[in-house]
Protein backbone atom coordinates (compact mmCIF):
# COMPACT_ATOMS: atom_id res chain seq x y z
CA MET A 1 7.80 -19.02 6.41
CA LEU A 2 5.27 -16.47 6.41
CA LEU A 3 2.66 -15.90 3.58
CA ALA A 4 1.03 -12.51 3.70
CA ALA A 5 -1.50 -11.13 1.17
CA ASP A 6 -2.61 -7.26 1.06
CA VAL A 7 -5.91 -6.89 -0.46
CA GLY A 8 -6.39 -3.57 -2.03
CA ASN A 9 -9.45 -2.04 -4.18
CA THR A 10 -7.36 -2.88 -7.49
CA ASN A 11 -5.16 -5.54 -6.69
CA VAL A 12 -4.03 -8.25 -4.12
CA VAL A 13 -0.44 -8.68 -3.53
CA PHE A 14 0.81 -11.91 -1.85
CA ALA A 15 4.30 -11.99 -0.58
CA LEU A 16 6.56 -14.69 0.89
CA PHE A 17 8.62 -13.97 3.94
CA ASP A 18 11.60 -15.93 5.45
CA ASP A 19 11.85 -14.63 9.21
CA ALA A 20 13.42 -17.70 10.78
CA GLY A 21 16.08 -16.18 13.09
CA LYS A 22 16.04 -12.82 11.42
CA ASP A 23 15.85 -9.62 12.92
CA THR A 24 13.73 -8.27 9.82
CA PRO A 25 11.69 -10.37 7.90
CA GLU A 26 13.14 -11.01 4.25
CA LEU A 27 11.13 -10.85 1.23
CA LYS A 28 11.42 -13.88 -0.72
CA ALA A 29 8.84 -13.31 -3.32
CA ARG A 30 5.92 -11.12 -4.37
CA TRP A 31 3.13 -11.94 -6.83
CA ARG A 32 -0.04 -9.70 -7.64
CA ILE A 33 -3.52 -10.64 -9.03
CA ALA A 34 -6.64 -8.53 -9.84
CA THR A 35 -8.98 -7.80 -6.93
CA ASP A 36 -12.18 -9.83 -7.45
CA PRO A 37 -14.44 -10.43 -4.46
CA ARG A 38 -15.92 -13.31 -6.20
CA ARG A 39 -12.82 -15.12 -6.53
CA THR A 40 -13.04 -18.41 -4.43
CA GLY A 41 -10.64 -19.88 -2.18
CA ASP A 42 -10.25 -22.70 -4.63
CA GLU A 43 -9.20 -20.37 -7.38
CA TYR A 44 -6.98 -18.66 -5.38
CA ALA A 45 -5.17 -21.78 -4.60
CA VAL A 46 -5.06 -22.79 -8.14
CA TRP A 47 -3.17 -19.54 -8.81
CA LEU A 48 -0.92 -19.55 -5.82
CA LEU A 49 0.20 -23.10 -5.52
CA GLN A 50 1.68 -23.07 -8.87
CA LEU A 51 3.65 -19.97 -8.12
CA LEU A 52 5.00 -21.32 -4.88
CA THR A 53 6.02 -24.44 -6.85
CA ILE A 54 7.93 -22.14 -9.29
CA GLU A 55 9.89 -20.77 -6.31
CA GLY A 56 10.64 -24.17 -4.96
CA VAL A 57 8.42 -23.74 -2.02
CA ALA A 58 6.43 -26.59 -0.54
CA ARG A 59 3.10 -26.17 0.99
CA ASP A 60 4.23 -27.33 4.22
CA ASP A 61 6.99 -24.66 4.18
CA ILE A 62 4.25 -22.06 5.13
CA THR A 63 3.62 -22.07 8.76
CA ARG A 64 1.83 -18.62 9.45
CA ILE A 65 -0.53 -16.62 7.15
CA ILE A 66 -1.58 -12.98 7.75
CA PHE A 67 -4.05 -10.92 5.65
CA ALA A 68 -5.00 -7.28 5.31
CA SER A 69 -8.05 -6.38 3.46
CA VAL A 70 -9.99 -3.05 2.44
CA VAL A 71 -12.37 -5.35 0.82
CA PRO A 72 -14.67 -7.09 3.20
CA ARG A 73 -16.03 -9.36 0.73
CA ALA A 74 -12.91 -11.06 -0.16
CA ASP A 75 -12.10 -12.06 3.63
CA HIS A 76 -14.37 -15.39 3.74
CA ASN A 77 -12.55 -16.49 0.51
CA LEU A 78 -9.04 -15.72 1.87
CA SER A 79 -9.96 -17.55 4.99
CA VAL A 80 -11.11 -20.81 2.81
CA LEU A 81 -7.58 -20.80 1.12
CA ALA A 82 -5.66 -20.63 4.48
CA GLN A 83 -7.60 -23.13 6.19
CA LYS A 84 -8.37 -25.70 3.34
CA TYR A 85 -5.09 -25.56 1.36
CA PHE A 86 -2.43 -24.86 4.33
CA GLY A 87 -4.35 -25.85 7.38
CA ILE A 88 -3.67 -22.70 8.98
CA THR A 89 -6.10 -20.04 10.97
CA PRO A 90 -4.86 -16.75 9.30
CA LEU A 91 -4.38 -13.56 11.11
CA PHE A 92 -6.13 -10.39 9.97
CA ALA A 93 -4.54 -7.21 10.27
CA GLY A 94 -6.38 -5.27 13.04
CA GLN A 95 -7.93 -7.94 14.57
CA GLY A 96 -7.12 -10.12 17.59
CA ALA A 97 -3.40 -10.96 18.12
CA ALA A 98 -2.82 -8.74 15.06
CA ARG A 99 -4.46 -5.67 16.47
CA TRP A 100 -2.74 -2.22 16.30
CA ARG A 101 -0.26 -1.65 18.94
CA PHE A 102 0.35 2.19 18.02
CA GLU A 103 -1.79 4.89 19.19
CA ILE A 104 -4.50 6.27 16.63
CA ASP A 105 -5.16 9.71 17.61
CA VAL A 106 -8.00 10.68 15.45
CA ASP A 107 -11.61 11.21 15.81
CA GLN A 108 -12.62 7.75 14.39
CA PRO A 109 -9.95 5.50 15.15
CA SER A 110 -12.13 2.27 13.84
CA SER A 111 -12.15 4.01 10.28
CA LEU A 112 -8.54 3.62 9.56
CA GLY A 113 -8.17 1.33 6.79
CA ALA A 114 -5.81 -1.71 7.30
CA ASP A 115 -3.36 -0.43 4.31
CA ARG A 116 -2.94 2.94 5.90
CA ALA A 117 -2.40 1.37 9.36
CA LEU A 118 0.18 -0.84 7.81
CA ASN A 119 2.01 2.06 6.22
CA ILE A 120 2.12 3.73 9.46
CA LEU A 121 3.40 0.68 11.29
CA ALA A 122 6.11 -0.16 8.72
CA ALA A 123 7.15 3.68 8.11
CA HIS A 124 7.71 4.13 11.95
CA HIS A 125 9.36 0.68 12.43
CA LYS A 126 12.03 1.32 9.35
CA TYR A 127 12.54 4.92 9.36
CA GLY A 128 11.80 6.44 12.79
CA GLY A 129 11.17 9.95 13.93
CA ASP A 130 8.35 12.32 12.22
CA ILE A 131 7.04 10.98 9.18
CA VAL A 132 4.74 11.83 6.29
CA ALA A 133 4.04 8.66 4.53
CA VAL A 134 2.27 8.81 1.00
CA ASP A 135 0.74 5.84 -0.66
CA PHE A 136 0.03 6.13 -4.59
CA GLY A 137 -2.91 3.78 -5.09
CA THR A 138 -6.44 3.85 -6.21
CA ALA A 139 -6.81 6.94 -3.82
CA THR A 140 -3.48 8.60 -2.65
CA LYS A 141 -3.24 8.67 1.19
CA PHE A 142 -1.07 11.00 3.12
CA GLU A 143 -0.35 10.16 6.74
CA ALA A 144 1.33 12.11 9.58
CA ILE A 145 3.28 9.91 11.85
CA ASP A 146 4.68 11.13 15.05
CA PHE A 147 8.14 10.16 16.51
CA ASN A 148 6.51 7.86 19.01
CA GLY A 149 4.81 6.06 16.01
CA ALA A 150 1.32 7.36 16.95
CA TYR A 151 -0.87 8.21 13.76
CA LYS A 152 -1.90 11.81 14.08
CA GLY A 153 -4.33 12.11 11.00
CA GLY A 154 -3.85 12.44 7.25
CA SER A 155 -5.68 13.20 3.85
CA ILE A 156 -7.06 11.34 1.09
CA ALA A 157 -7.14 12.40 -2.54
CA PRO A 158 -8.32 10.72 -5.76
CA GLY A 159 -5.65 8.62 -7.27
CA ILE A 160 -4.13 10.14 -10.37
CA ASN A 161 -5.91 7.45 -12.65
CA LEU A 162 -9.13 8.40 -10.97
CA SER A 163 -8.51 11.83 -11.85
CA LEU A 164 -8.01 10.75 -15.59
CA ASP A 165 -11.04 8.52 -15.75
CA ALA A 166 -13.25 11.41 -14.38
CA LEU A 167 -11.66 13.99 -17.12
CA VAL A 168 -12.03 11.49 -19.87
CA GLY A 169 -15.52 10.13 -18.82
CA LYS A 170 -17.06 13.55 -18.19
CA THR A 171 -16.14 14.85 -21.43
CA ALA A 172 -17.24 14.11 -24.98
CA LYS A 173 -13.95 14.73 -27.15
CA LEU A 174 -10.86 14.36 -24.80
CA PRO A 175 -9.05 11.34 -25.66
CA ARG A 176 -7.88 8.44 -23.57
CA ILE A 177 -4.10 8.78 -22.69
CA ALA A 178 -1.41 6.86 -20.54
CA ILE A 179 -0.08 8.43 -17.54
CA ARG A 180 3.56 9.06 -17.85
CA ALA A 181 6.03 11.79 -17.25
CA PRO A 182 5.79 14.42 -19.87
CA ASP A 183 8.71 14.79 -22.19
CA SER A 184 9.49 18.32 -21.09
CA LYS A 185 9.02 20.25 -17.76
CA SER A 186 7.04 22.90 -19.97
CA VAL A 187 3.38 23.25 -18.80
CA ILE A 188 2.21 25.17 -21.90
CA GLY A 189 1.24 22.13 -24.20
CA ARG A 190 0.91 22.34 -27.98
CA ASN A 191 -1.73 19.65 -28.62
CA THR A 192 -4.81 18.21 -26.85
CA GLU A 193 -3.03 15.00 -25.52
CA ASP A 194 -0.14 17.16 -24.31
CA GLN A 195 -2.10 19.54 -22.54
CA MET A 196 -4.14 16.69 -21.03
CA LEU A 197 -0.93 15.03 -19.72
CA ILE A 198 0.62 18.26 -18.31
CA GLY A 199 -2.58 19.11 -16.55
CA VAL A 200 -3.06 15.62 -15.00
CA PHE A 201 0.64 15.02 -14.39
CA TRP A 202 2.17 18.35 -13.16
CA GLY A 203 -1.15 19.39 -11.49
CA TYR A 204 -0.90 16.20 -9.41
CA VAL A 205 2.56 16.81 -8.56
CA ALA A 206 1.78 20.42 -7.45
CA MET A 207 -1.12 19.14 -5.28
CA MET A 208 1.12 16.20 -3.82
CA GLU A 209 4.04 18.79 -3.04
CA GLY A 210 1.35 21.43 -1.58
CA ILE A 211 -0.23 18.93 0.56
CA ILE A 212 3.16 17.52 1.94
CA ASP A 213 4.45 20.83 2.62
CA ARG A 214 1.32 22.05 4.54
CA MET A 215 1.64 18.70 6.65
CA LYS A 216 5.44 19.16 7.59
CA SER A 217 4.47 22.86 8.72
CA GLU A 218 1.71 21.63 10.69
CA ILE A 219 3.96 18.95 12.41
CA GLY A 220 6.34 21.78 13.18
CA ARG A 221 9.39 19.56 13.43
CA PRO A 222 11.81 17.86 10.76
CA ALA A 223 9.96 14.97 9.01
CA LYS A 224 10.90 12.48 6.61
CA VAL A 225 8.59 11.79 3.60
CA VAL A 226 8.28 8.25 2.70
CA ALA A 227 6.44 7.25 -0.46
CA THR A 228 5.07 3.82 -1.35
CA GLY A 229 2.61 2.36 -4.07
CA GLY A 230 2.94 1.72 -7.79
CA LEU A 231 3.40 5.36 -9.04
CA ALA A 232 5.86 6.35 -6.53
CA ILE A 233 8.94 5.87 -8.66
CA LEU A 234 7.22 7.83 -11.39
CA PHE A 235 6.64 10.82 -9.26
CA ASP A 236 9.93 10.57 -7.52
CA GLU A 237 11.49 11.48 -10.90
CA ALA A 238 9.71 14.77 -10.96
CA THR A 239 10.01 16.24 -7.64
CA ASP A 240 12.73 16.03 -4.77
CA VAL A 241 9.98 15.92 -1.96
CA PHE A 242 10.40 12.44 -0.99
CA ASP A 243 13.26 11.03 1.40
CA HIS A 244 12.57 7.45 0.78
CA VAL A 245 10.85 5.55 -1.85
CA ASP A 246 9.73 2.12 -0.54
CA ALA A 247 7.73 -0.12 -2.88
CA ASP A 248 7.37 -2.71 -0.25
CA LEU A 249 6.04 -0.64 2.75
CA THR A 250 2.56 -1.93 3.00
CA ILE A 251 3.50 -5.85 2.69
CA GLU A 252 6.47 -5.39 5.14
CA GLY A 253 4.03 -3.94 7.42
CA LEU A 254 2.05 -7.04 7.55
CA ALA A 255 5.51 -8.97 8.20
CA ILE A 256 6.10 -6.70 11.17
CA LEU A 257 2.62 -7.24 12.43
CA ALA A 258 2.82 -10.76 12.32
CA ARG A 259 5.91 -10.97 14.31
CA GLN A 260 4.36 -8.53 17.00
CA ALA A 261 1.40 -10.90 17.05
CA GLU A 262 3.89 -14.09 17.52
CA ALA A 263 5.67 -12.27 20.25
CA GLU A 264 2.58 -12.05 22.16
CA ASP A 265 1.65 -16.03 21.71
């Protein structure tokens, strides 16, 4: 079995894949823990080994490990986890045998984050053709992928929660509200909380739809829109711009990358 982990700025997502004799790796379990660069390999192990036991998976069932990280300070502790508790030298996405095998056609290819690269890889592998991939995370990332799987560029916007934090943090009287879909499609609110929710939510939907529309125009060919990330389902209820909502796109990209690396061994 393959153990994969995607280390983001907010959360670390661990996933277990069974890919023995399968054309497409099968996601068997997924767990999430808050990102903390100070968390040691031993602390990860205490938490993770208990979860594997609950799933009925023995430590020896794990034969390969791959990590993707946008938090470099966490990399050493993840390596300790893999080597000390599983006896496995892990792969790191974008490095060595797990290097990217698609064209990164931008000015600074080395600046492409692992999470974005995994979305590009998985979106092309799963859906093909020209694609706009959108990842709703701490930041919202938009990626343009051509029909050959090459990355042509994209854009980055503050995530909706970052936008809300800035709005509340920089004003004296506006209250903290939770992000949700407004009760109606009206953009004329009757009280302060409704007005904030309308401005943040529908403003974000308009920004997202506008960027996607402009990207598709620049691509100049029919392009599928693939959305992922924690808020993708919420926004999918408010717009018809997405062709696919794929909650596991990033972590499945790790499994695809691990298989590509194994094929070269």
